[in-house]
């Protein structure tokens, strides 16, 4: 058995140690994580479908402005 790489983040390290101590697999995803990801993948497409082309354009324009805005 190979040892998994130790995470640097304290929260991830704690989770990893609990998984090891309880016999769980640190690589195993919980059903909550799987369901949340599934919903997230559907959400963007559903939102885009419900918006008009003008609304999508305005959202994209706002996002581009935020990305290219110079830091003050």
N, C-alpha and C. Protein backbone atom coordinates (compact mmCIF):
# COMPACT_ATOMS: atom_id res chain seq x y z
N UNK A 1 0.84 -1.18 0.00
CA UNK A 1 0.00 0.00 0.00
C UNK A 1 0.88 1.24 0.00
N UNK A 2 0.62 2.16 -0.91
CA UNK A 2 1.39 3.39 -0.97
C UNK A 2 0.72 4.46 -0.12
N UNK A 3 1.54 5.30 0.45
CA UNK A 3 1.00 6.39 1.27
C UNK A 3 0.54 7.53 0.37
N UNK A 4 -0.67 8.06 0.63
CA UNK A 4 -1.12 9.19 -0.18
C UNK A 4 -0.31 10.44 0.18
N UNK A 5 -0.19 11.35 -0.78
CA UNK A 5 0.54 12.59 -0.56
C UNK A 5 -0.19 13.42 0.50
N UNK A 6 0.55 13.98 1.45
CA UNK A 6 -0.05 14.78 2.52
C UNK A 6 -0.41 16.16 2.00
N UNK A 7 -1.68 16.58 2.17
CA UNK A 7 -2.06 17.91 1.72
C UNK A 7 -1.47 18.99 2.62
N UNK A 8 -1.21 20.17 2.07
CA UNK A 8 -0.66 21.28 2.83
C UNK A 8 -1.74 22.03 3.60
N UNK A 9 -2.94 22.09 3.05
CA UNK A 9 -4.03 22.79 3.70
C UNK A 9 -4.42 22.05 4.98
N UNK A 10 -4.57 22.79 6.08
CA UNK A 10 -4.86 22.17 7.38
C UNK A 10 -6.19 21.43 7.37
N UNK A 11 -7.21 21.98 6.72
CA UNK A 11 -8.52 21.33 6.68
C UNK A 11 -8.47 20.04 5.87
N UNK A 12 -7.80 20.07 4.75
CA UNK A 12 -7.67 18.87 3.94
C UNK A 12 -6.84 17.81 4.65
N UNK A 13 -5.81 18.25 5.38
CA UNK A 13 -4.98 17.32 6.15
C UNK A 13 -5.81 16.65 7.23
N UNK A 14 -6.63 17.44 7.94
CA UNK A 14 -7.47 16.88 9.00
C UNK A 14 -8.44 15.85 8.43
N UNK A 15 -9.06 16.18 7.30
CA UNK A 15 -9.99 15.25 6.66
C UNK A 15 -9.26 13.98 6.25
N UNK A 16 -8.07 14.13 5.72
CA UNK A 16 -7.29 12.98 5.29
C UNK A 16 -6.94 12.08 6.49
N UNK A 17 -6.56 12.69 7.60
CA UNK A 17 -6.21 11.91 8.79
C UNK A 17 -7.42 11.17 9.34
N UNK A 18 -8.58 11.82 9.34
CA UNK A 18 -9.80 11.16 9.81
C UNK A 18 -10.15 9.99 8.90
N UNK A 19 -10.03 10.21 7.59
CA UNK A 19 -10.30 9.12 6.64
C UNK A 19 -9.39 7.92 6.88
N UNK A 20 -8.12 8.20 7.12
CA UNK A 20 -7.17 7.12 7.36
C UNK A 20 -7.49 6.41 8.67
N UNK A 21 -7.80 7.20 9.72
CA UNK A 21 -8.07 6.62 11.04
C UNK A 21 -9.34 5.78 11.05
N UNK A 22 -10.34 6.17 10.28
CA UNK A 22 -11.61 5.45 10.28
C UNK A 22 -11.66 4.36 9.21
N UNK A 23 -10.61 4.24 8.43
CA UNK A 23 -10.56 3.20 7.42
C UNK A 23 -11.21 3.60 6.11
N UNK A 24 -11.62 4.84 5.99
CA UNK A 24 -12.21 5.32 4.75
C UNK A 24 -11.14 5.61 3.72
N UNK A 25 -11.56 5.69 2.50
CA UNK A 25 -10.62 5.98 1.43
C UNK A 25 -10.56 7.49 1.21
N UNK A 26 -9.39 8.11 1.28
CA UNK A 26 -9.30 9.55 1.09
C UNK A 26 -9.66 10.00 -0.33
N UNK A 27 -9.61 9.10 -1.31
CA UNK A 27 -9.92 9.47 -2.68
C UNK A 27 -11.40 9.33 -3.01
N UNK A 28 -12.15 8.72 -2.12
CA UNK A 28 -13.55 8.42 -2.38
C UNK A 28 -14.41 9.69 -2.20
N UNK A 29 -15.24 10.00 -3.20
CA UNK A 29 -16.10 11.17 -3.12
C UNK A 29 -17.42 10.80 -2.46
N UNK A 30 -17.92 11.69 -1.62
CA UNK A 30 -19.19 11.42 -0.96
C UNK A 30 -20.34 11.63 -1.93
N UNK A 31 -21.47 11.06 -1.62
CA UNK A 31 -22.63 11.20 -2.50
C UNK A 31 -23.10 12.65 -2.54
N UNK A 32 -22.90 13.41 -1.47
CA UNK A 32 -23.28 14.82 -1.44
C UNK A 32 -22.48 15.60 -2.47
N UNK A 33 -21.19 15.34 -2.54
CA UNK A 33 -20.33 16.03 -3.49
C UNK A 33 -20.74 15.69 -4.92
N UNK A 34 -21.05 14.44 -5.15
CA UNK A 34 -21.46 14.00 -6.49
C UNK A 34 -22.76 14.68 -6.90
N UNK A 35 -23.74 14.71 -5.97
CA UNK A 35 -25.03 15.35 -6.27
C UNK A 35 -24.86 16.85 -6.51
N UNK A 36 -24.02 17.51 -5.71
CA UNK A 36 -23.81 18.95 -5.86
C UNK A 36 -23.18 19.26 -7.22
N UNK A 37 -22.21 18.45 -7.62
CA UNK A 37 -21.57 18.67 -8.91
C UNK A 37 -22.56 18.48 -10.05
N UNK A 38 -23.39 17.44 -9.93
CA UNK A 38 -24.38 17.16 -10.95
C UNK A 38 -25.34 18.34 -11.11
N UNK A 39 -25.80 18.88 -10.00
CA UNK A 39 -26.70 20.03 -10.03
C UNK A 39 -26.02 21.26 -10.60
N UNK A 40 -24.75 21.45 -10.26
CA UNK A 40 -24.00 22.59 -10.77
C UNK A 40 -23.82 22.54 -12.28
N UNK A 41 -23.64 21.35 -12.81
CA UNK A 41 -23.48 21.21 -14.25
C UNK A 41 -24.77 21.54 -14.98
N UNK A 42 -25.90 21.22 -14.36
CA UNK A 42 -27.19 21.52 -14.99
C UNK A 42 -27.55 22.99 -14.85
N UNK A 43 -27.12 23.61 -13.76
CA UNK A 43 -27.54 24.97 -13.43
C UNK A 43 -27.17 26.01 -14.47
N UNK A 44 -25.95 25.98 -14.95
CA UNK A 44 -25.49 26.97 -15.92
C UNK A 44 -26.27 26.89 -17.23
N UNK A 45 -26.49 25.69 -17.70
CA UNK A 45 -27.23 25.52 -18.95
C UNK A 45 -28.68 25.96 -18.79
N UNK A 46 -29.29 25.63 -17.64
CA UNK A 46 -30.67 26.01 -17.39
C UNK A 46 -30.80 27.53 -17.30
N UNK A 47 -29.84 28.17 -16.67
CA UNK A 47 -29.89 29.63 -16.55
C UNK A 47 -29.74 30.28 -17.92
N UNK A 48 -28.80 29.81 -18.72
CA UNK A 48 -28.58 30.38 -20.04
C UNK A 48 -29.82 30.20 -20.92
N UNK A 49 -30.48 29.08 -20.77
CA UNK A 49 -31.67 28.81 -21.56
C UNK A 49 -32.82 29.76 -21.20
N UNK A 50 -32.88 30.14 -19.91
CA UNK A 50 -33.98 30.99 -19.45
C UNK A 50 -33.75 32.47 -19.73
N UNK A 51 -32.52 32.86 -20.07
CA UNK A 51 -32.22 34.27 -20.32
C UNK A 51 -32.38 34.61 -21.80
N UNK A 52 -32.75 35.86 -22.05
CA UNK A 52 -32.83 36.32 -23.44
C UNK A 52 -31.41 36.61 -23.93
N UNK A 53 -31.22 36.69 -25.25
CA UNK A 53 -29.89 37.00 -25.78
C UNK A 53 -29.35 38.34 -25.26
N UNK A 54 -30.24 39.32 -25.08
CA UNK A 54 -29.82 40.62 -24.57
C UNK A 54 -29.32 40.52 -23.13
N UNK A 55 -30.03 39.71 -22.32
CA UNK A 55 -29.62 39.53 -20.92
C UNK A 55 -28.29 38.81 -20.84
N UNK A 56 -28.10 37.78 -21.67
CA UNK A 56 -26.83 37.06 -21.69
C UNK A 56 -25.69 37.98 -22.11
N UNK A 57 -25.96 38.82 -23.09
CA UNK A 57 -24.95 39.76 -23.57
C UNK A 57 -24.56 40.75 -22.47
N UNK A 58 -25.54 41.25 -21.74
CA UNK A 58 -25.27 42.20 -20.66
C UNK A 58 -24.44 41.54 -19.55
N UNK A 59 -24.77 40.30 -19.20
CA UNK A 59 -24.02 39.57 -18.17
C UNK A 59 -22.58 39.36 -18.64
N UNK A 60 -22.41 38.99 -19.91
CA UNK A 60 -21.07 38.78 -20.46
C UNK A 60 -20.27 40.08 -20.48
N UNK A 61 -20.92 41.17 -20.83
CA UNK A 61 -20.26 42.47 -20.86
C UNK A 61 -19.79 42.86 -19.46
N UNK A 62 -20.64 42.66 -18.46
CA UNK A 62 -20.29 42.98 -17.08
C UNK A 62 -19.11 42.12 -16.61
N UNK A 63 -19.13 40.84 -16.96
CA UNK A 63 -18.04 39.94 -16.57
C UNK A 63 -16.73 40.34 -17.23
N UNK A 64 -16.78 40.70 -18.52
CA UNK A 64 -15.57 41.11 -19.23
C UNK A 64 -15.01 42.39 -18.63
N UNK A 65 -15.88 43.32 -18.28
CA UNK A 65 -15.43 44.57 -17.66
C UNK A 65 -14.75 44.28 -16.33
N UNK A 66 -15.32 43.39 -15.54
CA UNK A 66 -14.73 43.04 -14.25
C UNK A 66 -13.37 42.38 -14.43
N UNK A 67 -13.24 41.52 -15.45
CA UNK A 67 -11.95 40.83 -15.69
C UNK A 67 -10.87 41.80 -16.11
N UNK A 68 -11.22 42.78 -16.94
CA UNK A 68 -10.23 43.68 -17.51
C UNK A 68 -10.03 44.96 -16.71
N UNK A 69 -10.82 45.13 -15.65
CA UNK A 69 -10.71 46.33 -14.83
C UNK A 69 -9.33 46.35 -14.16
N UNK A 70 -8.70 47.50 -14.21
CA UNK A 70 -7.38 47.62 -13.58
C UNK A 70 -7.57 47.81 -12.09
N UNK A 71 -6.67 47.18 -11.32
CA UNK A 71 -6.72 47.29 -9.86
C UNK A 71 -6.35 48.69 -9.40
N UNK A 72 -7.12 49.21 -8.48
CA UNK A 72 -6.82 50.56 -7.97
C UNK A 72 -6.03 50.50 -6.70
